[in-house]
């Protein structure tokens, strides 16, 4: 079965560096979104990683921009991926 571009669901993993002791509040905020399917604290260069999925790139981009505008998030790296829509 050949996958068409319209069958692709945009996905991103967002790696975040956060202000000290703000991770739990950021996780709570992220978990309120239906498009964020997973949030995990990490050890190392980044404090959190979140998996975002959305039916279109515009909505995905808006979610990523919201994270980047959060004053508690010092930096965010975005890894874009694609997966077949189910």
PDB file of N, CA and C in Angstrom:
ATOM      1  N   UNK A   1       0.846  -1.180   0.000  1.00  0.00           N
ATOM      2  CA  UNK A   1       0.000   0.000   0.000  1.00  0.00           C
ATOM      3  C   UNK A   1       0.887   1.237   0.000  1.00  0.00           C
ATOM      4  N   UNK A   2       0.658   2.096  -0.937  1.00  0.00           N
ATOM      5  CA  UNK A   2       1.446   3.320  -1.051  1.00  0.00           C
ATOM      6  C   UNK A   2       0.841   4.408  -0.160  1.00  0.00           C
ATOM      7  N   UNK A   3       1.679   5.059   0.631  1.00  0.00           N
ATOM      8  CA  UNK A   3       1.221   6.115   1.531  1.00  0.00           C
ATOM      9  C   UNK A   3       1.258   7.445   0.792  1.00  0.00           C
ATOM     10  N   UNK A   4       0.146   8.157   0.812  1.00  0.00           N
ATOM     11  CA  UNK A   4       0.049   9.474   0.200  1.00  0.00           C
ATOM     12  C   UNK A   4       0.328  10.529   1.269  1.00  0.00           C
ATOM     13  N   UNK A   5       0.754  11.717   0.858  1.00  0.00           N
ATOM     14  CA  UNK A   5       1.058  12.783   1.815  1.00  0.00           C
ATOM     15  C   UNK A   5      -0.138  13.096   2.702  1.00  0.00           C
ATOM     16  N   UNK A   6      -1.351  13.020   2.171  1.00  0.00           N
ATOM     17  CA  UNK A   6      -2.544  13.290   2.970  1.00  0.00           C
ATOM     18  C   UNK A   6      -2.771  12.265   4.060  1.00  0.00           C
ATOM     19  N   UNK A   7      -2.094  11.091   3.967  1.00  0.00           N
ATOM     20  CA  UNK A   7      -2.241  10.042   4.964  1.00  0.00           C
ATOM     21  C   UNK A   7      -1.224  10.165   6.098  1.00  0.00           C
ATOM     22  N   UNK A   8      -0.375  11.158   6.031  1.00  0.00           N
ATOM     23  CA  UNK A   8       0.693  11.329   7.022  1.00  0.00           C
ATOM     24  C   UNK A   8       0.221  12.234   8.155  1.00  0.00           C
ATOM     25  N   UNK A   9       0.446  11.790   9.401  1.00  0.00           N
ATOM     26  CA  UNK A   9       0.101  12.602  10.565  1.00  0.00           C
ATOM     27  C   UNK A   9       1.376  13.247  11.100  1.00  0.00           C
ATOM     28  N   UNK A  10       1.434  14.580  11.119  1.00  0.00           N
ATOM     29  CA  UNK A  10       2.631  15.249  11.635  1.00  0.00           C
ATOM     30  C   UNK A  10       2.899  14.888  13.099  1.00  0.00           C
ATOM     31  N   UNK A  11       4.174  14.732  13.424  1.00  0.00           N
ATOM     32  CA  UNK A  11       4.584  14.357  14.763  1.00  0.00           C
ATOM     33  C   UNK A  11       5.894  15.080  15.073  1.00  0.00           C
ATOM     34  N   UNK A  12       6.063  15.436  16.322  1.00  0.00           N
ATOM     35  CA  UNK A  12       7.321  16.062  16.737  1.00  0.00           C
ATOM     36  C   UNK A  12       7.668  15.609  18.146  1.00  0.00           C
ATOM     37  N   UNK A  13       8.958  15.482  18.391  1.00  0.00           N
ATOM     38  CA  UNK A  13       9.467  15.289  19.739  1.00  0.00           C
ATOM     39  C   UNK A  13      10.125  16.600  20.123  1.00  0.00           C
ATOM     40  N   UNK A  14       9.721  17.153  21.261  1.00  0.00           N
ATOM     41  CA  UNK A  14      10.254  18.433  21.716  1.00  0.00           C
ATOM     42  C   UNK A  14      11.077  18.186  22.975  1.00  0.00           C
ATOM     43  N   UNK A  15      12.358  18.524  22.898  1.00  0.00           N
ATOM     44  CA  UNK A  15      13.278  18.371  24.018  1.00  0.00           C
ATOM     45  C   UNK A  15      13.442  19.734  24.673  1.00  0.00           C
ATOM     46  N   UNK A  16      13.184  19.796  25.980  1.00  0.00           N
ATOM     47  CA  UNK A  16      13.137  21.087  26.669  1.00  0.00           C
ATOM     48  C   UNK A  16      14.125  21.174  27.821  1.00  0.00           C
ATOM     49  N   UNK A  17      14.770  22.329  27.921  1.00  0.00           N
ATOM     50  CA  UNK A  17      15.532  22.718  29.111  1.00  0.00           C
ATOM     51  C   UNK A  17      14.618  23.661  29.880  1.00  0.00           C
ATOM     52  N   UNK A  18      14.443  23.406  31.173  1.00  0.00           N
ATOM     53  CA  UNK A  18      13.489  24.182  31.963  1.00  0.00           C
ATOM     54  C   UNK A  18      14.191  24.910  33.116  1.00  0.00           C
ATOM     55  N   UNK A  19      13.528  25.952  33.605  1.00  0.00           N
ATOM     56  CA  UNK A  19      14.016  26.594  34.815  1.00  0.00           C
ATOM     57  C   UNK A  19      13.969  25.585  35.961  1.00  0.00           C
ATOM     58  N   UNK A  20      14.838  25.763  36.923  1.00  0.00           N
ATOM     59  CA  UNK A  20      14.932  24.851  38.054  1.00  0.00           C
ATOM     60  C   UNK A  20      13.587  24.714  38.776  1.00  0.00           C
ATOM     61  N   UNK A  21      13.226  23.474  39.069  1.00  0.00           N
ATOM     62  CA  UNK A  21      12.023  23.130  39.837  1.00  0.00           C
ATOM     63  C   UNK A  21      10.710  23.524  39.167  1.00  0.00           C
ATOM     64  N   UNK A  22      10.685  23.673  37.854  1.00  0.00           N
ATOM     65  CA  UNK A  22       9.433  24.000  37.160  1.00  0.00           C
ATOM     66  C   UNK A  22       8.917  22.832  36.312  1.00  0.00           C
ATOM     67  N   UNK A  23       9.653  21.729  36.300  1.00  0.00           N
ATOM     68  CA  UNK A  23       9.302  20.611  35.424  1.00  0.00           C
ATOM     69  C   UNK A  23       7.883  20.090  35.676  1.00  0.00           C
ATOM     70  N   UNK A  24       7.514  19.904  36.937  1.00  0.00           N
ATOM     71  CA  UNK A  24       6.185  19.351  37.233  1.00  0.00           C
ATOM     72  C   UNK A  24       5.062  20.254  36.742  1.00  0.00           C
ATOM     73  N   UNK A  25       5.219  21.561  36.904  1.00  0.00           N
ATOM     74  CA  UNK A  25       4.186  22.494  36.410  1.00  0.00           C
ATOM     75  C   UNK A  25       4.112  22.478  34.883  1.00  0.00           C
ATOM     76  N   UNK A  26       5.254  22.377  34.231  1.00  0.00           N
ATOM     77  CA  UNK A  26       5.263  22.314  32.775  1.00  0.00           C
ATOM     78  C   UNK A  26       4.600  21.020  32.306  1.00  0.00           C
ATOM     79  N   UNK A  27       4.917  19.908  32.961  1.00  0.00           N
ATOM     80  CA  UNK A  27       4.296  18.627  32.612  1.00  0.00           C
ATOM     81  C   UNK A  27       2.776  18.720  32.752  1.00  0.00           C
ATOM     82  N   UNK A  28       2.302  19.303  33.841  1.00  0.00           N
ATOM     83  CA  UNK A  28       0.847  19.444  34.045  1.00  0.00           C
ATOM     84  C   UNK A  28       0.220  20.264  32.921  1.00  0.00           C
ATOM     85  N   UNK A  29       0.852  21.345  32.529  1.00  0.00           N
ATOM     86  CA  UNK A  29       0.330  22.173  31.434  1.00  0.00           C
ATOM     87  C   UNK A  29       0.306  21.401  30.124  1.00  0.00           C
ATOM     88  N   UNK A  30       1.365  20.663  29.841  1.00  0.00           N
ATOM     89  CA  UNK A  30       1.443  19.915  28.592  1.00  0.00           C
ATOM     90  C   UNK A  30       0.408  18.798  28.544  1.00  0.00           C
ATOM     91  N   UNK A  31       0.167  18.152  29.667  1.00  0.00           N
ATOM     92  CA  UNK A  31      -0.782  17.044  29.703  1.00  0.00           C
ATOM     93  C   UNK A  31      -2.217  17.491  29.465  1.00  0.00           C
ATOM     94  N   UNK A  32      -2.496  18.782  29.552  1.00  0.00           N
ATOM     95  CA  UNK A  32      -3.840  19.299  29.283  1.00  0.00           C
ATOM     96  C   UNK A  32      -4.177  19.293  27.794  1.00  0.00           C
ATOM     97  N   UNK A  33      -3.189  19.164  26.939  1.00  0.00           N
ATOM     98  CA  UNK A  33      -3.408  19.196  25.500  1.00  0.00           C
ATOM     99  C   UNK A  33      -3.668  17.790  24.960  1.00  0.00           C
ATOM    100  N   UNK A  34      -4.690  17.657  24.122  1.00  0.00           N
ATOM    101  CA  UNK A  34      -4.996  16.372  23.496  1.00  0.00           C
ATOM    102  C   UNK A  34      -3.936  15.961  22.483  1.00  0.00           C
ATOM    103  N   UNK A  35      -3.189  16.919  21.964  1.00  0.00           N
ATOM    104  CA  UNK A  35      -2.200  16.637  20.919  1.00  0.00           C
ATOM    105  C   UNK A  35      -0.845  16.217  21.484  1.00  0.00           C
ATOM    106  N   UNK A  36      -0.676  16.313  22.786  1.00  0.00           N
ATOM    107  CA  UNK A  36       0.577  15.889  23.400  1.00  0.00           C
ATOM    108  C   UNK A  36       0.320  14.517  24.009  1.00  0.00           C
ATOM    109  N   UNK A  37       0.909  13.502  23.379  1.00  0.00           N
ATOM    110  CA  UNK A  37       0.579  12.130  23.743  1.00  0.00           C
ATOM    111  C   UNK A  37       1.458  11.563  24.849  1.00  0.00           C
ATOM    112  N   UNK A  38       2.603  12.190  25.087  1.00  0.00           N
ATOM    113  CA  UNK A  38       3.497  11.679  26.118  1.00  0.00           C
ATOM    114  C   UNK A  38       4.457  12.776  26.552  1.00  0.00           C
ATOM    115  N   UNK A  39       4.726  12.826  27.859  1.00  0.00           N
ATOM    116  CA  UNK A  39       5.709  13.756  28.415  1.00  0.00           C
ATOM    117  C   UNK A  39       6.525  12.976  29.439  1.00  0.00           C
ATOM    118  N   UNK A  40       7.858  13.063  29.316  1.00  0.00           N
ATOM    119  CA  UNK A  40       8.736  12.337  30.234  1.00  0.00           C
ATOM    120  C   UNK A  40       9.839  13.256  30.738  1.00  0.00           C
ATOM    121  N   UNK A  41      10.111  13.223  32.050  1.00  0.00           N
ATOM    122  CA  UNK A  41      11.304  13.907  32.544  1.00  0.00           C
ATOM    123  C   UNK A  41      12.532  13.106  32.119  1.00  0.00           C
ATOM    124  N   UNK A  42      13.642  13.791  31.920  1.00  0.00           N
ATOM    125  CA  UNK A  42      14.874  13.130  31.496  1.00  0.00           C
ATOM    126  C   UNK A  42      16.039  13.586  32.357  1.00  0.00           C
ATOM    127  N   UNK A  43      17.099  12.829  32.291  1.00  0.00           N
ATOM    128  CA  UNK A  43      18.344  13.182  32.963  1.00  0.00           C
ATOM    129  C   UNK A  43      19.372  13.435  31.875  1.00  0.00           C
ATOM    130  N   UNK A  44      20.085  14.521  31.987  1.00  0.00           N
ATOM    131  CA  UNK A  44      21.095  14.838  30.985  1.00  0.00           C
ATOM    132  C   UNK A  44      20.949  16.269  30.518  1.00  0.00           C
ATOM    133  N   UNK A  45      21.212  16.486  29.240  1.00  0.00           N
ATOM    134  CA  UNK A  45      21.221  17.834  28.687  1.00  0.00           C
ATOM    135  C   UNK A  45      19.842  18.486  28.711  1.00  0.00           C
ATOM    136  N   UNK A  46      18.777  17.693  28.557  1.00  0.00           N
ATOM    137  CA  UNK A  46      17.405  18.215  28.550  1.00  0.00           C
ATOM    138  C   UNK A  46      16.670  17.723  29.781  1.00  0.00           C
ATOM    139  N   UNK A  47      15.669  18.493  30.208  1.00  0.00           N
ATOM    140  CA  UNK A  47      14.894  18.153  31.404  1.00  0.00           C
ATOM    141  C   UNK A  47      13.626  17.379  31.079  1.00  0.00           C
ATOM    142  N   UNK A  48      13.031  17.653  29.916  1.00  0.00           N
ATOM    143  CA  UNK A  48      11.779  17.009  29.519  1.00  0.00           C
ATOM    144  C   UNK A  48      11.812  16.675  28.036  1.00  0.00           C
ATOM    145  N   UNK A  49      11.081  15.622  27.668  1.00  0.00           N
ATOM    146  CA  UNK A  49      10.831  15.327  26.265  1.00  0.00           C
ATOM    147  C   UNK A  49       9.329  15.058  26.129  1.00  0.00           C
ATOM    148  N   UNK A  50       8.738  15.642  25.096  1.00  0.00           N
ATOM    149  CA  UNK A  50       7.307  15.473  24.870  1.00  0.00           C
ATOM    150  C   UNK A  50       7.064  15.060  23.427  1.00  0.00           C
ATOM    151  N   UNK A  51       6.069  14.193  23.238  1.00  0.00           N
ATOM    152  CA  UNK A  51       5.688  13.764  21.895  1.00  0.00           C
ATOM    153  C   UNK A  51       4.397  14.483  21.519  1.00  0.00           C
ATOM    154  N   UNK A  52       4.463  15.226  20.423  1.00  0.00           N
ATOM    155  CA  UNK A  52       3.316  15.973  19.913  1.00  0.00           C
ATOM    156  C   UNK A  52       2.824  15.295  18.637  1.00  0.00           C
ATOM    157  N   UNK A  53       1.528  15.154  18.490  1.00  0.00           N
ATOM    158  CA  UNK A  53       0.937  14.714  17.227  1.00  0.00           C
ATOM    159  C   UNK A  53      -0.227  15.637  16.911  1.00  0.00           C
ATOM    160  N   UNK A  54      -0.492  15.809  15.633  1.00  0.00           N
ATOM    161  CA  UNK A  54      -1.562  16.715  15.216  1.00  0.00           C
ATOM    162  C   UNK A  54      -2.033  16.312  13.828  1.00  0.00           C
ATOM    163  N   UNK A  55      -3.301  16.590  13.520  1.00  0.00           N
ATOM    164  CA  UNK A  55      -3.794  16.248  12.188  1.00  0.00           C
ATOM    165  C   UNK A  55      -3.183  17.111  11.078  1.00  0.00           C
ATOM    166  N   UNK A  56      -2.580  18.251  11.429  1.00  0.00           N
ATOM    167  CA  UNK A  56      -1.975  19.098  10.389  1.00  0.00           C
ATOM    168  C   UNK A  56      -0.784  19.869  10.952  1.00  0.00           C
ATOM    169  N   UNK A  57       0.071  20.321  10.060  1.00  0.00           N
ATOM    170  CA  UNK A  57       1.300  21.017  10.459  1.00  0.00           C
ATOM    171  C   UNK A  57       1.035  22.360  11.117  1.00  0.00           C
ATOM    172  N   UNK A  58      -0.030  23.051  10.715  1.00  0.00           N
ATOM    173  CA  UNK A  58      -0.320  24.354  11.316  1.00  0.00           C
ATOM    174  C   UNK A  58      -0.607  24.219  12.808  1.00  0.00           C
ATOM    175  N   UNK A  59      -1.433  23.235  13.179  1.00  0.00           N
ATOM    176  CA  UNK A  59      -1.737  23.026  14.595  1.00  0.00           C
ATOM    177  C   UNK A  59      -0.500  22.572  15.358  1.00  0.00           C
ATOM    178  N   UNK A  60       0.293  21.706  14.749  1.00  0.00           N
ATOM    179  CA  UNK A  60       1.519  21.240  15.388  1.00  0.00           C
ATOM    180  C   UNK A  60       2.472  22.407  15.628  1.00  0.00           C
ATOM    181  N   UNK A  61       2.613  23.259  14.641  1.00  0.00           N
ATOM    182  CA  UNK A  61       3.481  24.432  14.763  1.00  0.00           C
ATOM    183  C   UNK A  61       3.007  25.354  15.883  1.00  0.00           C
ATOM    184  N   UNK A  62       1.707  25.549  15.999  1.00  0.00           N
ATOM    185  CA  UNK A  62       1.158  26.405  17.066  1.00  0.00           C
ATOM    186  C   UNK A  62       1.482  25.830  18.447  1.00  0.00           C
ATOM    187  N   UNK A  63       1.353  24.522  18.606  1.00  0.00           N
ATOM    188  CA  UNK A  63       1.685  23.888  19.891  1.00  0.00           C
ATOM    189  C   UNK A  63       3.158  24.075  20.234  1.00  0.00           C
ATOM    190  N   UNK A  64       4.016  23.887  19.248  1.00  0.00           N
ATOM    191  CA  UNK A  64       5.454  24.050  19.472  1.00  0.00           C
ATOM    192  C   UNK A  64       5.775  25.492  19.854  1.00  0.00           C
ATOM    193  N   UNK A  65       5.147  26.441  19.182  1.00  0.00           N
ATOM    194  CA  UNK A  65       5.377  27.854  19.501  1.00  0.00           C
ATOM    195  C   UNK A  65       4.907  28.190  20.916  1.00  0.00           C
ATOM    196  N   UNK A  66       3.828  27.581  21.379  1.00  0.00           N
ATOM    197  CA  UNK A  66       3.359  27.805  22.749  1.00  0.00           C
ATOM    198  C   UNK A  66       4.419  27.365  23.751  1.00  0.00           C
ATOM    199  N   UNK A  67       5.031  26.221  23.515  1.00  0.00           N
ATOM    200  CA  UNK A  67       6.089  25.734  24.399  1.00  0.00           C
ATOM    201  C   UNK A  67       7.269  26.699  24.369  1.00  0.00           C
ATOM    202  N   UNK A  68       7.652  27.141  23.197  1.00  0.00           N
ATOM    203  CA  UNK A  68       8.802  28.040  23.074  1.00  0.00           C
ATOM    204  C   UNK A  68       8.553  29.396  23.723  1.00  0.00           C
ATOM    205  N   UNK A  69       7.289  29.825  23.823  1.00  0.00           N
ATOM    206  CA  UNK A  69       6.966  31.108  24.457  1.00  0.00           C
ATOM    207  C   UNK A  69       6.861  31.008  25.976  1.00  0.00           C
ATOM    208  N   UNK A  70       6.789  29.800  26.513  1.00  0.00           N
ATOM    209  CA  UNK A  70       6.672  29.605  27.961  1.00  0.00           C
ATOM    210  C   UNK A  70       7.938  30.124  28.635  1.00  0.00           C
ATOM    211  N   UNK A  71       7.792  31.063  29.556  1.00  0.00           N
ATOM    212  CA  UNK A  71       8.943  31.670  30.230  1.00  0.00           C
ATOM    213  C   UNK A  71       9.759  30.668  31.038  1.00  0.00           C
ATOM    214  N   UNK A  72       9.135  29.551  31.439  1.00  0.00           N
ATOM    215  CA  UNK A  72       9.840  28.545  32.242  1.00  0.00           C
ATOM    216  C   UNK A  72      10.693  27.617  31.387  1.00  0.00           C
ATOM    217  N   UNK A  73      10.464  27.622  30.078  1.00  0.00           N
ATOM    218  CA  UNK A  73      11.246  26.792  29.157  1.00  0.00           C
ATOM    219  C   UNK A  73      12.393  27.649  28.624  1.00  0.00           C
ATOM    220  N   UNK A  74      13.616  27.312  29.019  1.00  0.00           N
ATOM    221  CA  UNK A  74      14.783  28.093  28.608  1.00  0.00           C
ATOM    222  C   UNK A  74      15.150  27.852  27.152  1.00  0.00           C
ATOM    223  N   UNK A  75      15.007  26.602  26.698  1.00  0.00           N
ATOM    224  CA  UNK A  75      15.249  26.295  25.290  1.00  0.00           C
ATOM    225  C   UNK A  75      14.481  25.039  24.917  1.00  0.00           C
ATOM    226  N   UNK A  76      14.188  24.928  23.635  1.00  0.00           N
ATOM    227  CA  UNK A  76      13.466  23.753  23.132  1.00  0.00           C
ATOM    228  C   UNK A  76      14.030  23.365  21.775  1.00  0.00           C
ATOM    229  N   UNK A  77      14.344  22.108  21.621  1.00  0.00           N
ATOM    230  CA  UNK A  77      14.765  21.557  20.327  1.00  0.00           C
ATOM    231  C   UNK A  77      13.618  20.708  19.802  1.00  0.00           C
ATOM    232  N   UNK A  78      13.371  20.825  18.509  1.00  0.00           N
ATOM    233  CA  UNK A  78      12.250  20.122  17.887  1.00  0.00           C
ATOM    234  C   UNK A  78      12.785  19.120  16.869  1.00  0.00           C
ATOM    235  N   UNK A  79      12.359  17.878  17.020  1.00  0.00           N
ATOM    236  CA  UNK A  79      12.677  16.828  16.055  1.00  0.00           C
ATOM    237  C   UNK A  79      11.378  16.454  15.368  1.00  0.00           C
ATOM    238  N   UNK A  80      11.261  16.750  14.076  1.00  0.00           N
ATOM    239  CA  UNK A  80      10.042  16.436  13.336  1.00  0.00           C
ATOM    240  C   UNK A  80      10.107  15.025  12.778  1.00  0.00           C
ATOM    241  N   UNK A  81       8.985  14.363  12.819  1.00  0.00           N
ATOM    242  CA  UNK A  81       8.887  13.021  12.249  1.00  0.00           C
ATOM    243  C   UNK A  81       7.547  12.890  11.565  1.00  0.00           C
ATOM    244  N   UNK A  82       7.346  11.776  10.908  1.00  0.00           N
ATOM    245  CA  UNK A  82       6.056  11.509  10.304  1.00  0.00           C
ATOM    246  C   UNK A  82       5.651  10.085  10.626  1.00  0.00           C
ATOM    247  N   UNK A  83       4.371   9.885  10.737  1.00  0.00           N
ATOM    248  CA  UNK A  83       3.851   8.535  10.934  1.00  0.00           C
ATOM    249  C   UNK A  83       2.573   8.429  10.138  1.00  0.00           C
ATOM    250  N   UNK A  84       2.232   7.219   9.749  1.00  0.00           N
ATOM    251  CA  UNK A  84       1.005   7.032   8.991  1.00  0.00           C
ATOM    252  C   UNK A  84      -0.180   7.269   9.900  1.00  0.00           C
ATOM    253  N   UNK A  85      -1.191   7.964   9.386  1.00  0.00           N
ATOM    254  CA  UNK A  85      -2.412   8.179  10.138  1.00  0.00           C
ATOM    255  C   UNK A  85      -3.110   6.826  10.299  1.00  0.00           C
ATOM    256  N   UNK A  86      -3.710   6.624  11.445  1.00  0.00           N
ATOM    257  CA  UNK A  86      -4.396   5.354  11.692  1.00  0.00           C
ATOM    258  C   UNK A  86      -5.864   5.477  11.440  1.00  0.00           C
TER     259      UNK A  86
END
